[in-house]
């Protein structure tokens, strides 16, 4: 018996990619970022995903570029087909873990670039920005706590972008080509 106890360390993040739907076929286990899944002897085809812990982003292109797909712990972290993560196909080339921030979820949305214009503060999921705030254009965002995912369409649909704790001066900073945002939710790590 020891009087010294270790602090509860953060559980390492872990995800498994499957070549076929319903968690079948070849699989790739990842516990760290991967800039090119082809380097791991895995085809750039991913049809289902199981998140064991944490939250992950799959990218269409190598080196974390192109369309982003979030896999987090919503729905127990199980995605039995690529439709479940709003993809139009099964092509995934790189994968990285979302940075966890233990502060309470909080984000500020601004109508114009450079954190100006109409401002809203969020602390919870918003399925429809237009009906809640009469706003569907956001040009800059400050993430003050947690990690968030912004969707171009209402009800968490369509192209989406993962935002970690930092300032996004312009929509291009989060990878978008325009300022349209239909919905926004917190990333689920557990």
C-alpha atoms as a PDB file:
ATOM      1  CA  UNK A   1       0.000   0.000   0.000  1.00  0.00           C
ATOM      2  CA  UNK A   2       1.418   3.362  -0.979  1.00  0.00           C
ATOM      3  CA  UNK A   3       0.433   6.723   0.399  1.00  0.00           C
ATOM      4  CA  UNK A   4       1.353   8.226  -2.957  1.00  0.00           C
ATOM      5  CA  UNK A   5      -1.297   8.038  -5.629  1.00  0.00           C
ATOM      6  CA  UNK A   6      -0.845   8.929  -9.249  1.00  0.00           C
ATOM      7  CA  UNK A   7      -3.050  11.549 -10.794  1.00  0.00           C
ATOM      8  CA  UNK A   8      -5.581   9.930 -13.077  1.00  0.00           C
ATOM      9  CA  UNK A   9      -3.784  10.200 -16.438  1.00  0.00           C
ATOM     10  CA  UNK A  10      -5.811  11.075 -19.534  1.00  0.00           C
ATOM     11  CA  UNK A  11      -6.822   7.920 -21.342  1.00  0.00           C
ATOM     12  CA  UNK A  12      -4.904   7.636 -24.621  1.00  0.00           C
ATOM     13  CA  UNK A  13      -6.963   8.213 -27.735  1.00  0.00           C
ATOM     14  CA  UNK A  14      -7.587   5.157 -29.906  1.00  0.00           C
ATOM     15  CA  UNK A  15      -9.490   4.541 -33.168  1.00  0.00           C
ATOM     16  CA  UNK A  16      -9.912   1.637 -35.621  1.00  0.00           C
ATOM     17  CA  UNK A  17     -10.590   2.126 -39.342  1.00  0.00           C
ATOM     18  CA  UNK A  18     -12.151  -0.699 -41.362  1.00  0.00           C
ATOM     19  CA  UNK A  19     -11.940  -1.193 -45.110  1.00  0.00           C
ATOM     20  CA  UNK A  20     -15.546  -2.464 -45.369  1.00  0.00           C
ATOM     21  CA  UNK A  21     -18.910  -1.466 -43.914  1.00  0.00           C
ATOM     22  CA  UNK A  22     -20.100  -2.870 -40.583  1.00  0.00           C
ATOM     23  CA  UNK A  23     -16.581  -3.187 -39.131  1.00  0.00           C
ATOM     24  CA  UNK A  24     -15.438  -5.855 -41.614  1.00  0.00           C
ATOM     25  CA  UNK A  25     -12.383  -6.443 -43.768  1.00  0.00           C
ATOM     26  CA  UNK A  26      -8.890  -5.193 -43.155  1.00  0.00           C
ATOM     27  CA  UNK A  27      -8.493  -2.876 -40.194  1.00  0.00           C
ATOM     28  CA  UNK A  28      -6.058  -0.215 -39.035  1.00  0.00           C
ATOM     29  CA  UNK A  29      -5.615   0.617 -35.339  1.00  0.00           C
ATOM     30  CA  UNK A  30      -4.319   4.103 -34.562  1.00  0.00           C
ATOM     31  CA  UNK A  31      -3.293   5.693 -31.266  1.00  0.00           C
ATOM     32  CA  UNK A  32      -1.515   8.695 -32.805  1.00  0.00           C
ATOM     33  CA  UNK A  33      -1.724  10.983 -35.817  1.00  0.00           C
ATOM     34  CA  UNK A  34      -1.081   9.458 -39.240  1.00  0.00           C
ATOM     35  CA  UNK A  35      -0.162  11.781 -42.146  1.00  0.00           C
ATOM     36  CA  UNK A  36      -0.529   8.998 -44.767  1.00  0.00           C
ATOM     37  CA  UNK A  37      -2.529   5.860 -44.028  1.00  0.00           C
ATOM     38  CA  UNK A  38      -1.062   4.276 -47.167  1.00  0.00           C
ATOM     39  CA  UNK A  39       2.278   4.195 -45.259  1.00  0.00           C
ATOM     40  CA  UNK A  40       0.584   1.812 -42.777  1.00  0.00           C
ATOM     41  CA  UNK A  41      -0.115  -0.736 -45.512  1.00  0.00           C
ATOM     42  CA  UNK A  42      -3.807   0.195 -45.482  1.00  0.00           C
ATOM     43  CA  UNK A  43      -5.773   1.227 -48.598  1.00  0.00           C
ATOM     44  CA  UNK A  44      -7.127   4.756 -48.719  1.00  0.00           C
ATOM     45  CA  UNK A  45     -10.619   3.275 -48.376  1.00  0.00           C
ATOM     46  CA  UNK A  46     -12.488   3.493 -45.108  1.00  0.00           C
ATOM     47  CA  UNK A  47     -16.085   2.328 -44.850  1.00  0.00           C
ATOM     48  CA  UNK A  48     -16.540   2.037 -41.082  1.00  0.00           C
ATOM     49  CA  UNK A  49     -14.885   3.354 -37.914  1.00  0.00           C
ATOM     50  CA  UNK A  50     -14.893   2.485 -34.210  1.00  0.00           C
ATOM     51  CA  UNK A  51     -13.676   5.109 -31.745  1.00  0.00           C
ATOM     52  CA  UNK A  52     -12.365   3.452 -28.596  1.00  0.00           C
ATOM     53  CA  UNK A  53     -11.484   6.749 -26.908  1.00  0.00           C
ATOM     54  CA  UNK A  54     -11.099  10.419 -27.725  1.00  0.00           C
ATOM     55  CA  UNK A  55     -12.133  12.088 -30.971  1.00  0.00           C
ATOM     56  CA  UNK A  56     -10.557  11.859 -34.423  1.00  0.00           C
ATOM     57  CA  UNK A  57     -10.585  13.656 -37.759  1.00  0.00           C
ATOM     58  CA  UNK A  58     -10.243  11.797 -41.056  1.00  0.00           C
ATOM     59  CA  UNK A  59      -9.057  13.809 -44.053  1.00  0.00           C
ATOM     60  CA  UNK A  60      -9.637  13.271 -47.739  1.00  0.00           C
ATOM     61  CA  UNK A  61      -5.981  14.034 -48.561  1.00  0.00           C
ATOM     62  CA  UNK A  62      -2.578  13.328 -47.030  1.00  0.00           C
ATOM     63  CA  UNK A  63      -1.043  15.665 -44.442  1.00  0.00           C
ATOM     64  CA  UNK A  64      -4.434  16.590 -42.915  1.00  0.00           C
ATOM     65  CA  UNK A  65      -5.769  18.435 -45.963  1.00  0.00           C
ATOM     66  CA  UNK A  66      -9.071  18.465 -47.807  1.00  0.00           C
ATOM     67  CA  UNK A  67     -12.523  17.583 -46.590  1.00  0.00           C
ATOM     68  CA  UNK A  68     -12.703  16.742 -42.870  1.00  0.00           C
ATOM     69  CA  UNK A  69     -14.715  13.990 -41.186  1.00  0.00           C
ATOM     70  CA  UNK A  70     -15.258  13.861 -37.430  1.00  0.00           C
ATOM     71  CA  UNK A  71     -15.380  10.583 -35.508  1.00  0.00           C
ATOM     72  CA  UNK A  72     -16.121  11.169 -31.836  1.00  0.00           C
ATOM     73  CA  UNK A  73     -17.937   9.409 -28.996  1.00  0.00           C
ATOM     74  CA  UNK A  74     -21.458  10.416 -30.038  1.00  0.00           C
ATOM     75  CA  UNK A  75     -23.456   7.245 -30.803  1.00  0.00           C
ATOM     76  CA  UNK A  76     -20.950   5.209 -28.727  1.00  0.00           C
ATOM     77  CA  UNK A  77     -18.216   6.013 -31.256  1.00  0.00           C
ATOM     78  CA  UNK A  78     -19.541   3.527 -33.819  1.00  0.00           C
ATOM     79  CA  UNK A  79     -19.837   4.484 -37.480  1.00  0.00           C
ATOM     80  CA  UNK A  80     -20.894   1.434 -39.510  1.00  0.00           C
ATOM     81  CA  UNK A  81     -20.743   3.228 -42.891  1.00  0.00           C
ATOM     82  CA  UNK A  82     -19.328   6.470 -44.305  1.00  0.00           C
ATOM     83  CA  UNK A  83     -22.831   8.020 -44.564  1.00  0.00           C
ATOM     84  CA  UNK A  84     -22.740   8.239 -40.760  1.00  0.00           C
ATOM     85  CA  UNK A  85     -19.945  10.843 -40.880  1.00  0.00           C
ATOM     86  CA  UNK A  86     -21.479  12.889 -43.740  1.00  0.00           C
ATOM     87  CA  UNK A  87     -19.032  11.600 -46.383  1.00  0.00           C
ATOM     88  CA  UNK A  88     -19.870  11.224 -50.053  1.00  0.00           C
ATOM     89  CA  UNK A  89     -17.329   8.434 -50.521  1.00  0.00           C
ATOM     90  CA  UNK A  90     -14.957   6.126 -48.689  1.00  0.00           C
ATOM     91  CA  UNK A  91     -11.659   7.901 -49.440  1.00  0.00           C
ATOM     92  CA  UNK A  92      -9.540   8.726 -46.347  1.00  0.00           C
ATOM     93  CA  UNK A  93      -5.823   9.544 -46.628  1.00  0.00           C
ATOM     94  CA  UNK A  94      -4.798  10.916 -43.220  1.00  0.00           C
ATOM     95  CA  UNK A  95      -6.114  10.820 -39.650  1.00  0.00           C
ATOM     96  CA  UNK A  96      -5.367  12.846 -36.521  1.00  0.00           C
ATOM     97  CA  UNK A  97      -6.592  13.052 -32.932  1.00  0.00           C
ATOM     98  CA  UNK A  98      -8.605  16.111 -31.887  1.00  0.00           C
ATOM     99  CA  UNK A  99      -6.830  18.037 -29.136  1.00  0.00           C
ATOM    100  CA  UNK A 100      -8.728  17.726 -25.874  1.00  0.00           C
ATOM    101  CA  UNK A 101      -9.359  20.840 -23.811  1.00  0.00           C
ATOM    102  CA  UNK A 102     -10.802  20.298 -20.341  1.00  0.00           C
ATOM    103  CA  UNK A 103     -12.259  23.794 -19.987  1.00  0.00           C
ATOM    104  CA  UNK A 104     -16.048  24.110 -20.229  1.00  0.00           C
ATOM    105  CA  UNK A 105     -17.209  24.269 -23.860  1.00  0.00           C
ATOM    106  CA  UNK A 106     -17.421  27.897 -24.965  1.00  0.00           C
ATOM    107  CA  UNK A 107     -17.179  29.614 -28.346  1.00  0.00           C
ATOM    108  CA  UNK A 108     -17.763  33.130 -29.640  1.00  0.00           C
ATOM    109  CA  UNK A 109     -19.081  33.547 -33.192  1.00  0.00           C
ATOM    110  CA  UNK A 110     -18.690  36.783 -35.131  1.00  0.00           C
ATOM    111  CA  UNK A 111     -20.536  37.943 -38.214  1.00  0.00           C
ATOM    112  CA  UNK A 112     -17.432  39.465 -39.803  1.00  0.00           C
ATOM    113  CA  UNK A 113     -13.747  38.566 -40.099  1.00  0.00           C
ATOM    114  CA  UNK A 114     -11.408  39.882 -37.416  1.00  0.00           C
ATOM    115  CA  UNK A 115     -13.931  39.288 -34.590  1.00  0.00           C
ATOM    116  CA  UNK A 116     -16.256  42.148 -35.512  1.00  0.00           C
ATOM    117  CA  UNK A 117     -19.944  42.603 -36.261  1.00  0.00           C
ATOM    118  CA  UNK A 118     -22.768  40.750 -34.523  1.00  0.00           C
ATOM    119  CA  UNK A 119     -21.427  38.433 -31.793  1.00  0.00           C
ATOM    120  CA  UNK A 120     -22.944  35.307 -30.213  1.00  0.00           C
ATOM    121  CA  UNK A 121     -21.581  33.161 -27.435  1.00  0.00           C
ATOM    122  CA  UNK A 122     -22.268  29.412 -27.385  1.00  0.00           C
ATOM    123  CA  UNK A 123     -21.889  26.917 -24.582  1.00  0.00           C
ATOM    124  CA  UNK A 124     -24.111  24.184 -25.992  1.00  0.00           C
ATOM    125  CA  UNK A 125     -25.013  22.498 -29.274  1.00  0.00           C
ATOM    126  CA  UNK A 126     -27.035  24.562 -31.771  1.00  0.00           C
ATOM    127  CA  UNK A 127     -28.907  22.444 -34.379  1.00  0.00           C
ATOM    128  CA  UNK A 128     -29.997  25.507 -36.378  1.00  0.00           C
ATOM    129  CA  UNK A 129     -28.154  28.834 -36.169  1.00  0.00           C
ATOM    130  CA  UNK A 130     -30.672  30.586 -38.427  1.00  0.00           C
ATOM    131  CA  UNK A 131     -33.716  29.772 -36.290  1.00  0.00           C
ATOM    132  CA  UNK A 132     -31.879  30.468 -32.993  1.00  0.00           C
ATOM    133  CA  UNK A 133     -29.881  33.583 -33.895  1.00  0.00           C
ATOM    134  CA  UNK A 134     -31.228  34.683 -37.317  1.00  0.00           C
ATOM    135  CA  UNK A 135     -27.720  34.154 -38.595  1.00  0.00           C
ATOM    136  CA  UNK A 136     -26.230  31.681 -41.044  1.00  0.00           C
ATOM    137  CA  UNK A 137     -23.008  33.500 -41.875  1.00  0.00           C
ATOM    138  CA  UNK A 138     -20.075  33.462 -39.472  1.00  0.00           C
ATOM    139  CA  UNK A 139     -16.724  34.863 -40.612  1.00  0.00           C
ATOM    140  CA  UNK A 140     -14.631  34.474 -37.441  1.00  0.00           C
ATOM    141  CA  UNK A 141     -14.759  32.278 -34.343  1.00  0.00           C
ATOM    142  CA  UNK A 142     -12.984  32.255 -30.991  1.00  0.00           C
ATOM    143  CA  UNK A 143     -12.943  28.837 -29.293  1.00  0.00           C
ATOM    144  CA  UNK A 144     -12.431  29.566 -25.589  1.00  0.00           C
ATOM    145  CA  UNK A 145     -13.077  26.061 -24.290  1.00  0.00           C
ATOM    146  CA  UNK A 146     -13.606  22.526 -25.530  1.00  0.00           C
ATOM    147  CA  UNK A 147     -13.512  21.520 -29.184  1.00  0.00           C
ATOM    148  CA  UNK A 148     -16.337  22.159 -31.652  1.00  0.00           C
ATOM    149  CA  UNK A 149     -17.528  21.021 -35.055  1.00  0.00           C
ATOM    150  CA  UNK A 150     -19.261  23.487 -37.390  1.00  0.00           C
ATOM    151  CA  UNK A 151     -21.533  22.179 -40.158  1.00  0.00           C
ATOM    152  CA  UNK A 152     -22.520  24.095 -43.271  1.00  0.00           C
ATOM    153  CA  UNK A 153     -26.094  22.799 -43.036  1.00  0.00           C
ATOM    154  CA  UNK A 154     -28.616  22.755 -40.157  1.00  0.00           C
ATOM    155  CA  UNK A 155     -29.077  19.616 -38.034  1.00  0.00           C
ATOM    156  CA  UNK A 156     -25.398  18.625 -38.155  1.00  0.00           C
ATOM    157  CA  UNK A 157     -25.299  17.788 -41.870  1.00  0.00           C
ATOM    158  CA  UNK A 158     -23.035  18.544 -44.799  1.00  0.00           C
ATOM    159  CA  UNK A 159     -19.397  19.582 -44.965  1.00  0.00           C
ATOM    160  CA  UNK A 160     -17.988  20.217 -41.496  1.00  0.00           C
ATOM    161  CA  UNK A 161     -14.870  21.558 -39.821  1.00  0.00           C
ATOM    162  CA  UNK A 162     -13.293  20.761 -36.480  1.00  0.00           C
ATOM    163  CA  UNK A 163     -12.341  23.744 -34.319  1.00  0.00           C
ATOM    164  CA  UNK A 164      -9.973  23.402 -31.388  1.00  0.00           C
ATOM    165  CA  UNK A 165      -9.150  26.005 -28.735  1.00  0.00           C
ATOM    166  CA  UNK A 166      -7.778  29.055 -30.581  1.00  0.00           C
ATOM    167  CA  UNK A 167      -8.811  32.095 -32.621  1.00  0.00           C
ATOM    168  CA  UNK A 168     -10.053  31.674 -36.215  1.00  0.00           C
ATOM    169  CA  UNK A 169      -9.745  35.152 -37.765  1.00  0.00           C
ATOM    170  CA  UNK A 170     -11.481  34.153 -40.993  1.00  0.00           C
ATOM    171  CA  UNK A 171     -13.495  31.155 -42.285  1.00  0.00           C
ATOM    172  CA  UNK A 172     -10.471  30.060 -44.347  1.00  0.00           C
ATOM    173  CA  UNK A 173      -8.620  29.516 -41.019  1.00  0.00           C
ATOM    174  CA  UNK A 174     -10.925  26.542 -40.328  1.00  0.00           C
ATOM    175  CA  UNK A 175     -10.658  25.272 -43.910  1.00  0.00           C
ATOM    176  CA  UNK A 176     -13.935  26.553 -45.351  1.00  0.00           C
ATOM    177  CA  UNK A 177     -14.366  28.388 -48.642  1.00  0.00           C
ATOM    178  CA  UNK A 178     -17.296  30.455 -47.340  1.00  0.00           C
ATOM    179  CA  UNK A 179     -18.853  31.731 -44.123  1.00  0.00           C
ATOM    180  CA  UNK A 180     -22.028  29.601 -44.231  1.00  0.00           C
ATOM    181  CA  UNK A 181     -22.716  27.778 -40.965  1.00  0.00           C
ATOM    182  CA  UNK A 182     -25.990  25.956 -40.359  1.00  0.00           C
ATOM    183  CA  UNK A 183     -25.269  24.192 -37.050  1.00  0.00           C
ATOM    184  CA  UNK A 184     -22.558  23.690 -34.461  1.00  0.00           C
ATOM    185  CA  UNK A 185     -21.953  21.142 -31.711  1.00  0.00           C
ATOM    186  CA  UNK A 186     -19.403  20.213 -29.094  1.00  0.00           C
ATOM    187  CA  UNK A 187     -16.983  17.370 -29.865  1.00  0.00           C
ATOM    188  CA  UNK A 188     -17.723  14.357 -27.637  1.00  0.00           C
ATOM    189  CA  UNK A 189     -14.561  12.846 -26.132  1.00  0.00           C
ATOM    190  CA  UNK A 190     -16.322  10.313 -23.893  1.00  0.00           C
END
